[in-house]
Amino acid sequence: AARTSIKSFAPSTSDIADRATGTGSVLQRL
């Protein structure tokens, strides 16, 4: 089986910024 690191599940910096500011398309947020 392929090994997946915990880091691959962590949100990216842009993802955290999108969540904090509410940016991203409606579909992305949904």
All heavy atoms as atom14 arrays in JSON, in Angstrom:
{
  "sequence": "AARTSIKSFAPSTSDIADRATGTGSVLQRL",
  "atom14_mask": [
    [1, 1, 1, 1, 1, 0, 0, 0, 0, 0, 0, 0, 0, 0],
    [1, 1, 1, 1, 1, 0, 0, 0, 0, 0, 0, 0, 0, 0],
    [1, 1, 1, 1, 1, 1, 1, 1, 1, 1, 1, 0, 0, 0],
    [1, 1, 1, 1, 1, 1, 1, 0, 0, 0, 0, 0, 0, 0],
    [1, 1, 1, 1, 1, 1, 0, 0, 0, 0, 0, 0, 0, 0],
    [1, 1, 1, 1, 1, 1, 1, 1, 0, 0, 0, 0, 0, 0],
    [1, 1, 1, 1, 1, 1, 1, 1, 1, 0, 0, 0, 0, 0],
    [1, 1, 1, 1, 1, 1, 0, 0, 0, 0, 0, 0, 0, 0],
    [1, 1, 1, 1, 1, 1, 1, 1, 1, 1, 1, 0, 0, 0],
    [1, 1, 1, 1, 1, 0, 0, 0, 0, 0, 0, 0, 0, 0],
    [1, 1, 1, 1, 1, 1, 1, 0, 0, 0, 0, 0, 0, 0],
    [1, 1, 1, 1, 1, 1, 0, 0, 0, 0, 0, 0, 0, 0],
    [1, 1, 1, 1, 1, 1, 1, 0, 0, 0, 0, 0, 0, 0],
    [1, 1, 1, 1, 1, 1, 0, 0, 0, 0, 0, 0, 0, 0],
    [1, 1, 1, 1, 1, 1, 1, 1, 0, 0, 0, 0, 0, 0],
    [1, 1, 1, 1, 1, 1, 1, 1, 0, 0, 0, 0, 0, 0],
    [1, 1, 1, 1, 1, 0, 0, 0, 0, 0, 0, 0, 0, 0],
    [1, 1, 1, 1, 1, 1, 1, 1, 0, 0, 0, 0, 0, 0],
    [1, 1, 1, 1, 1, 1, 1, 1, 1, 1, 1, 0, 0, 0],
    [1, 1, 1, 1, 1, 0, 0, 0, 0, 0, 0, 0, 0, 0],
    [1, 1, 1, 1, 1, 1, 1, 0, 0, 0, 0, 0, 0, 0],
    [1, 1, 1, 1, 0, 0, 0, 0, 0, 0, 0, 0, 0, 0],
    [1, 1, 1, 1, 1, 1, 1, 0, 0, 0, 0, 0, 0, 0],
    [1, 1, 1, 1, 0, 0, 0, 0, 0, 0, 0, 0, 0, 0],
    [1, 1, 1, 1, 1, 1, 0, 0, 0, 0, 0, 0, 0, 0],
    [1, 1, 1, 1, 1, 1, 1, 0, 0, 0, 0, 0, 0, 0],
    [1, 1, 1, 1, 1, 1, 1, 1, 0, 0, 0, 0, 0, 0],
    [1, 1, 1, 1, 1, 1, 1, 1, 1, 0, 0, 0, 0, 0],
    [1, 1, 1, 1, 1, 1, 1, 1, 1, 1, 1, 0, 0, 0],
    [1, 1, 1, 1, 1, 1, 1, 1, 0, 0, 0, 0, 0, 0]
  ],
  "atom14_positions": [
    [[0.83, -1.2, 0.0], [0.0, 0.0, 0.0], [0.87, 1.25, 0.0], [1.92, 1.29, 0.61], [-0.91, 0.01, 1.23], [0.0, 0.0, 0.0], [0.0, 0.0, 0.0], [0.0, 0.0, 0.0], [0.0, 0.0, 0.0], [0.0, 0.0, 0.0], [0.0, 0.0, 0.0], [0.0, 0.0, 0.0], [0.0, 0.0, 0.0], [0.0, 0.0, 0.0]],
    [[0.38, 2.25, -0.68], [1.11, 3.52, -0.73], [0.98, 4.21, 0.62], [-0.06, 4.15, 1.27], [0.54, 4.42, -1.82], [0.0, 0.0, 0.0], [0.0, 0.0, 0.0], [0.0, 0.0, 0.0], [0.0, 0.0, 0.0], [0.0, 0.0, 0.0], [0.0, 0.0, 0.0], [0.0, 0.0, 0.0], [0.0, 0.0, 0.0], [0.0, 0.0, 0.0]],
    [[2.03, 4.85, 1.04], [2.02, 5.56, 2.32], [1.64, 7.02, 2.07], [2.14, 7.66, 1.17], [3.39, 5.46, 2.97], [3.72, 4.01, 3.32], [5.01, 3.91, 4.04], [4.81, 4.5, 5.36], [5.75, 4.53, 6.27], [6.93, 4.03, 6.03], [5.52, 5.07, 7.44], [0.0, 0.0, 0.0], [0.0, 0.0, 0.0], [0.0, 0.0, 0.0]],
    [[0.77, 7.5, 2.9], [0.34, 8.89, 2.8], [0.77, 9.59, 4.08], [0.52, 9.11, 5.17], [-1.19, 8.98, 2.68], [-1.58, 8.19, 1.56], [-1.64, 10.4, 2.48], [0.0, 0.0, 0.0], [0.0, 0.0, 0.0], [0.0, 0.0, 0.0], [0.0, 0.0, 0.0], [0.0, 0.0, 0.0], [0.0, 0.0, 0.0], [0.0, 0.0, 0.0]],
    [[1.4, 10.7, 3.94], [1.85, 11.44, 5.11], [0.72, 12.29, 5.66], [-0.23, 12.63, 4.96], [3.04, 12.32, 4.77], [2.62, 13.39, 3.96], [0.0, 0.0, 0.0], [0.0, 0.0, 0.0], [0.0, 0.0, 0.0], [0.0, 0.0, 0.0], [0.0, 0.0, 0.0], [0.0, 0.0, 0.0], [0.0, 0.0, 0.0], [0.0, 0.0, 0.0]],
    [[0.85, 12.62, 6.93], [-0.12, 13.5, 7.57], [-0.15, 14.84, 6.85], [-1.18, 15.47, 6.7], [0.24, 13.7, 9.06], [0.15, 12.38, 9.81], [-0.63, 14.77, 9.7], [-1.22, 11.8, 9.9], [0.0, 0.0, 0.0], [0.0, 0.0, 0.0], [0.0, 0.0, 0.0], [0.0, 0.0, 0.0], [0.0, 0.0, 0.0], [0.0, 0.0, 0.0]],
    [[0.99, 15.28, 6.36], [1.09, 16.57, 5.69], [0.15, 16.66, 4.48], [-0.38, 17.71, 4.17], [2.54, 16.81, 5.26], [2.79, 18.22, 4.85], [4.27, 18.46, 4.65], [4.49, 19.92, 4.38], [5.89, 20.25, 4.29], [0.0, 0.0, 0.0], [0.0, 0.0, 0.0], [0.0, 0.0, 0.0], [0.0, 0.0, 0.0], [0.0, 0.0, 0.0]],
    [[-0.09, 15.53, 3.81], [-0.97, 15.56, 2.63], [-2.42, 15.86, 3.0], [-3.19, 16.3, 2.17], [-0.88, 14.25, 1.84], [-1.43, 13.2, 2.6], [0.0, 0.0, 0.0], [0.0, 0.0, 0.0], [0.0, 0.0, 0.0], [0.0, 0.0, 0.0], [0.0, 0.0, 0.0], [0.0, 0.0, 0.0], [0.0, 0.0, 0.0], [0.0, 0.0, 0.0]],
    [[-2.78, 15.63, 4.26], [-4.14, 15.92, 4.7], [-4.26, 17.32, 5.28], [-5.35, 17.81, 5.5], [-4.6, 14.9, 5.76], [-4.81, 13.53, 5.2], [-3.98, 12.48, 5.57], [-5.82, 13.28, 4.29], [-4.17, 11.22, 5.05], [-6.01, 12.02, 3.77], [-5.19, 10.99, 4.15], [0.0, 0.0, 0.0], [0.0, 0.0, 0.0], [0.0, 0.0, 0.0]],
    [[-3.16, 17.95, 5.55], [-3.18, 19.29, 6.14], [-3.59, 20.3, 5.08], [-3.21, 20.19, 3.92], [-1.8, 19.65, 6.68], [0.0, 0.0, 0.0], [0.0, 0.0, 0.0], [0.0, 0.0, 0.0], [0.0, 0.0, 0.0], [0.0, 0.0, 0.0], [0.0, 0.0, 0.0], [0.0, 0.0, 0.0], [0.0, 0.0, 0.0], [0.0, 0.0, 0.0]],
    [[-4.38, 21.3, 5.49], [-4.78, 22.32, 4.52], [-3.58, 23.17, 4.1], [-2.66, 23.39, 4.87], [-5.81, 23.15, 5.27], [-5.58, 22.87, 6.71], [-4.96, 21.52, 6.8], [0.0, 0.0, 0.0], [0.0, 0.0, 0.0], [0.0, 0.0, 0.0], [0.0, 0.0, 0.0], [0.0, 0.0, 0.0], [0.0, 0.0, 0.0], [0.0, 0.0, 0.0]],
    [[-3.62, 23.62, 2.87], [-2.55, 24.48, 2.38], [-2.71, 25.88, 2.95], [-3.76, 26.23, 3.49], [-2.59, 24.55, 0.86], [-3.75, 25.25, 0.45], [0.0, 0.0, 0.0], [0.0, 0.0, 0.0], [0.0, 0.0, 0.0], [0.0, 0.0, 0.0], [0.0, 0.0, 0.0], [0.0, 0.0, 0.0], [0.0, 0.0, 0.0], [0.0, 0.0, 0.0]],
    [[-1.67, 26.69, 2.82], [-1.73, 28.07, 3.3], [-2.83, 28.84, 2.59], [-3.58, 29.59, 3.22], [-0.37, 28.77, 3.07], [0.65, 27.94, 3.59], [-0.33, 30.11, 3.73], [0.0, 0.0, 0.0], [0.0, 0.0, 0.0], [0.0, 0.0, 0.0], [0.0, 0.0, 0.0], [0.0, 0.0, 0.0], [0.0, 0.0, 0.0], [0.0, 0.0, 0.0]],
    [[-2.99, 28.62, 1.29], [-4.05, 29.33, 0.55], [-5.43, 28.86, 1.0], [-6.37, 29.64, 1.04], [-3.88, 29.16, -0.94], [-4.03, 27.81, -1.31], [0.0, 0.0, 0.0], [0.0, 0.0, 0.0], [0.0, 0.0, 0.0], [0.0, 0.0, 0.0], [0.0, 0.0, 0.0], [0.0, 0.0, 0.0], [0.0, 0.0, 0.0], [0.0, 0.0, 0.0]],
    [[-5.55, 27.58, 1.35], [-6.83, 27.05, 1.82], [-7.21, 27.69, 3.15], [-8.36, 28.08, 3.37], [-6.76, 25.53, 1.96], [-8.1, 24.91, 2.28], [-9.1, 25.32, 1.66], [-8.15, 24.01, 3.14], [0.0, 0.0, 0.0], [0.0, 0.0, 0.0], [0.0, 0.0, 0.0], [0.0, 0.0, 0.0], [0.0, 0.0, 0.0], [0.0, 0.0, 0.0]],
    [[-6.23, 27.83, 4.05], [-6.49, 28.47, 5.33], [-6.89, 29.93, 5.12], [-7.84, 30.42, 5.73], [-5.25, 28.36, 6.25], [-5.04, 26.89, 6.63], [-5.42, 29.22, 7.5], [-3.74, 26.59, 7.31], [0.0, 0.0, 0.0], [0.0, 0.0, 0.0], [0.0, 0.0, 0.0], [0.0, 0.0, 0.0], [0.0, 0.0, 0.0], [0.0, 0.0, 0.0]],
    [[-6.21, 30.61, 4.22], [-6.56, 32.01, 3.92], [-7.96, 32.1, 3.32], [-8.73, 33.0, 3.67], [-5.53, 32.61, 2.96], [0.0, 0.0, 0.0], [0.0, 0.0, 0.0], [0.0, 0.0, 0.0], [0.0, 0.0, 0.0], [0.0, 0.0, 0.0], [0.0, 0.0, 0.0], [0.0, 0.0, 0.0], [0.0, 0.0, 0.0], [0.0, 0.0, 0.0]],
    [[-8.29, 31.17, 2.41], [-9.64, 31.17, 1.82], [-10.71, 30.98, 2.89], [-11.75, 31.63, 2.86], [-9.78, 30.05, 0.78], [-9.07, 30.37, -0.52], [-8.59, 31.51, -0.68], [-8.97, 29.45, -1.36], [0.0, 0.0, 0.0], [0.0, 0.0, 0.0], [0.0, 0.0, 0.0], [0.0, 0.0, 0.0], [0.0, 0.0, 0.0], [0.0, 0.0, 0.0]],
    [[-10.46, 30.09, 3.84], [-11.44, 29.86, 4.9], [-11.58, 31.1, 5.78], [-12.68, 31.45, 6.19], [-11.02, 28.66, 5.76], [-11.19, 27.35, 5.08], [-10.8, 26.22, 5.98], [-10.75, 24.98, 5.22], [-10.69, 23.79, 5.77], [-10.66, 23.67, 7.07], [-10.64, 22.71, 5.02], [0.0, 0.0, 0.0], [0.0, 0.0, 0.0], [0.0, 0.0, 0.0]],
    [[-10.46, 31.72, 6.1], [-10.49, 32.88, 6.98], [-11.19, 34.07, 6.34], [-11.92, 34.81, 6.99], [-9.07, 33.27, 7.39], [0.0, 0.0, 0.0], [0.0, 0.0, 0.0], [0.0, 0.0, 0.0], [0.0, 0.0, 0.0], [0.0, 0.0, 0.0], [0.0, 0.0, 0.0], [0.0, 0.0, 0.0], [0.0, 0.0, 0.0], [0.0, 0.0, 0.0]],
    [[-11.0, 34.25, 5.06], [-11.59, 35.42, 4.38], [-12.89, 35.11, 3.68], [-13.55, 36.01, 3.2], [-10.59, 35.97, 3.34], [-10.34, 34.97, 2.36], [-9.3, 36.42, 3.98], [0.0, 0.0, 0.0], [0.0, 0.0, 0.0], [0.0, 0.0, 0.0], [0.0, 0.0, 0.0], [0.0, 0.0, 0.0], [0.0, 0.0, 0.0], [0.0, 0.0, 0.0]],
    [[-13.26, 33.83, 3.6], [-14.49, 33.46, 2.91], [-14.36, 33.55, 1.41], [-15.35, 33.68, 0.71], [0.0, 0.0, 0.0], [0.0, 0.0, 0.0], [0.0, 0.0, 0.0], [0.0, 0.0, 0.0], [0.0, 0.0, 0.0], [0.0, 0.0, 0.0], [0.0, 0.0, 0.0], [0.0, 0.0, 0.0], [0.0, 0.0, 0.0], [0.0, 0.0, 0.0]],
    [[-13.12, 33.53, 0.89], [-12.93, 33.62, -0.55], [-13.06, 32.26, -1.19], [-13.14, 31.25, -0.52], [-11.56, 34.24, -0.89], [-10.55, 33.42, -0.33], [-11.46, 35.64, -0.36], [0.0, 0.0, 0.0], [0.0, 0.0, 0.0], [0.0, 0.0, 0.0], [0.0, 0.0, 0.0], [0.0, 0.0, 0.0], [0.0, 0.0, 0.0], [0.0, 0.0, 0.0]],
    [[-12.99, 32.24, -2.48], [-13.2, 31.02, -3.24], [-14.6, 31.04, -3.8], [-15.47, 31.76, -3.31], [0.0, 0.0, 0.0], [0.0, 0.0, 0.0], [0.0, 0.0, 0.0], [0.0, 0.0, 0.0], [0.0, 0.0, 0.0], [0.0, 0.0, 0.0], [0.0, 0.0, 0.0], [0.0, 0.0, 0.0], [0.0, 0.0, 0.0], [0.0, 0.0, 0.0]],
    [[-14.81, 30.26, -4.82], [-16.14, 30.23, -5.42], [-17.13, 29.59, -4.46], [-16.76, 28.92, -3.49], [-16.09, 29.43, -6.72], [-15.95, 28.05, -6.44], [0.0, 0.0, 0.0], [0.0, 0.0, 0.0], [0.0, 0.0, 0.0], [0.0, 0.0, 0.0], [0.0, 0.0, 0.0], [0.0, 0.0, 0.0], [0.0, 0.0, 0.0], [0.0, 0.0, 0.0]],
    [[-18.4, 29.8, -4.72], [-19.44, 29.19, -3.9], [-19.29, 27.68, -3.93], [-19.39, 27.02, -2.88], [-20.84, 29.63, -4.39], [-21.93, 28.86, -3.68], [-21.03, 31.12, -4.23], [0.0, 0.0, 0.0], [0.0, 0.0, 0.0], [0.0, 0.0, 0.0], [0.0, 0.0, 0.0], [0.0, 0.0, 0.0], [0.0, 0.0, 0.0], [0.0, 0.0, 0.0]],
    [[-19.03, 27.12, -5.1], [-18.86, 25.67, -5.2], [-17.66, 25.2, -4.38], [-17.72, 24.17, -3.73], [-18.73, 25.25, -6.67], [-18.77, 23.75, -6.93], [-20.05, 23.12, -6.37], [-18.65, 23.46, -8.42], [0.0, 0.0, 0.0], [0.0, 0.0, 0.0], [0.0, 0.0, 0.0], [0.0, 0.0, 0.0], [0.0, 0.0, 0.0], [0.0, 0.0, 0.0]],
    [[-16.57, 25.96, -4.38], [-15.41, 25.6, -3.57], [-15.77, 25.6, -2.09], [-15.38, 24.69, -1.36], [-14.25, 26.57, -3.8], [-13.51, 26.34, -5.09], [-12.45, 27.41, -5.3], [-12.73, 28.59, -5.22], [-11.24, 26.96, -5.59], [0.0, 0.0, 0.0], [0.0, 0.0, 0.0], [0.0, 0.0, 0.0], [0.0, 0.0, 0.0], [0.0, 0.0, 0.0]],
    [[-16.5, 26.6, -1.66], [-16.87, 26.67, -0.24], [-17.85, 25.57, 0.13], [-17.82, 25.05, 1.24], [-17.42, 28.04, 0.09], [-16.33, 29.11, 0.05], [-16.8, 30.42, 0.58], [-18.03, 30.85, -0.07], [-18.24, 32.04, -0.58], [-17.32, 32.96, -0.51], [-19.38, 32.34, -1.15], [0.0, 0.0, 0.0], [0.0, 0.0, 0.0], [0.0, 0.0, 0.0]],
    [[-18.76, 25.2, -0.78], [-19.72, 24.14, -0.49], [-19.08, 22.77, -0.42], [-19.51, 21.91, 0.34], [-20.83, 24.11, -1.55], [-21.91, 25.17, -1.43], [-22.84, 25.1, -2.63], [-22.69, 25.0, -0.14], [0.0, 0.0, 0.0], [0.0, 0.0, 0.0], [0.0, 0.0, 0.0], [0.0, 0.0, 0.0], [0.0, 0.0, 0.0], [0.0, 0.0, 0.0]]
  ]
}
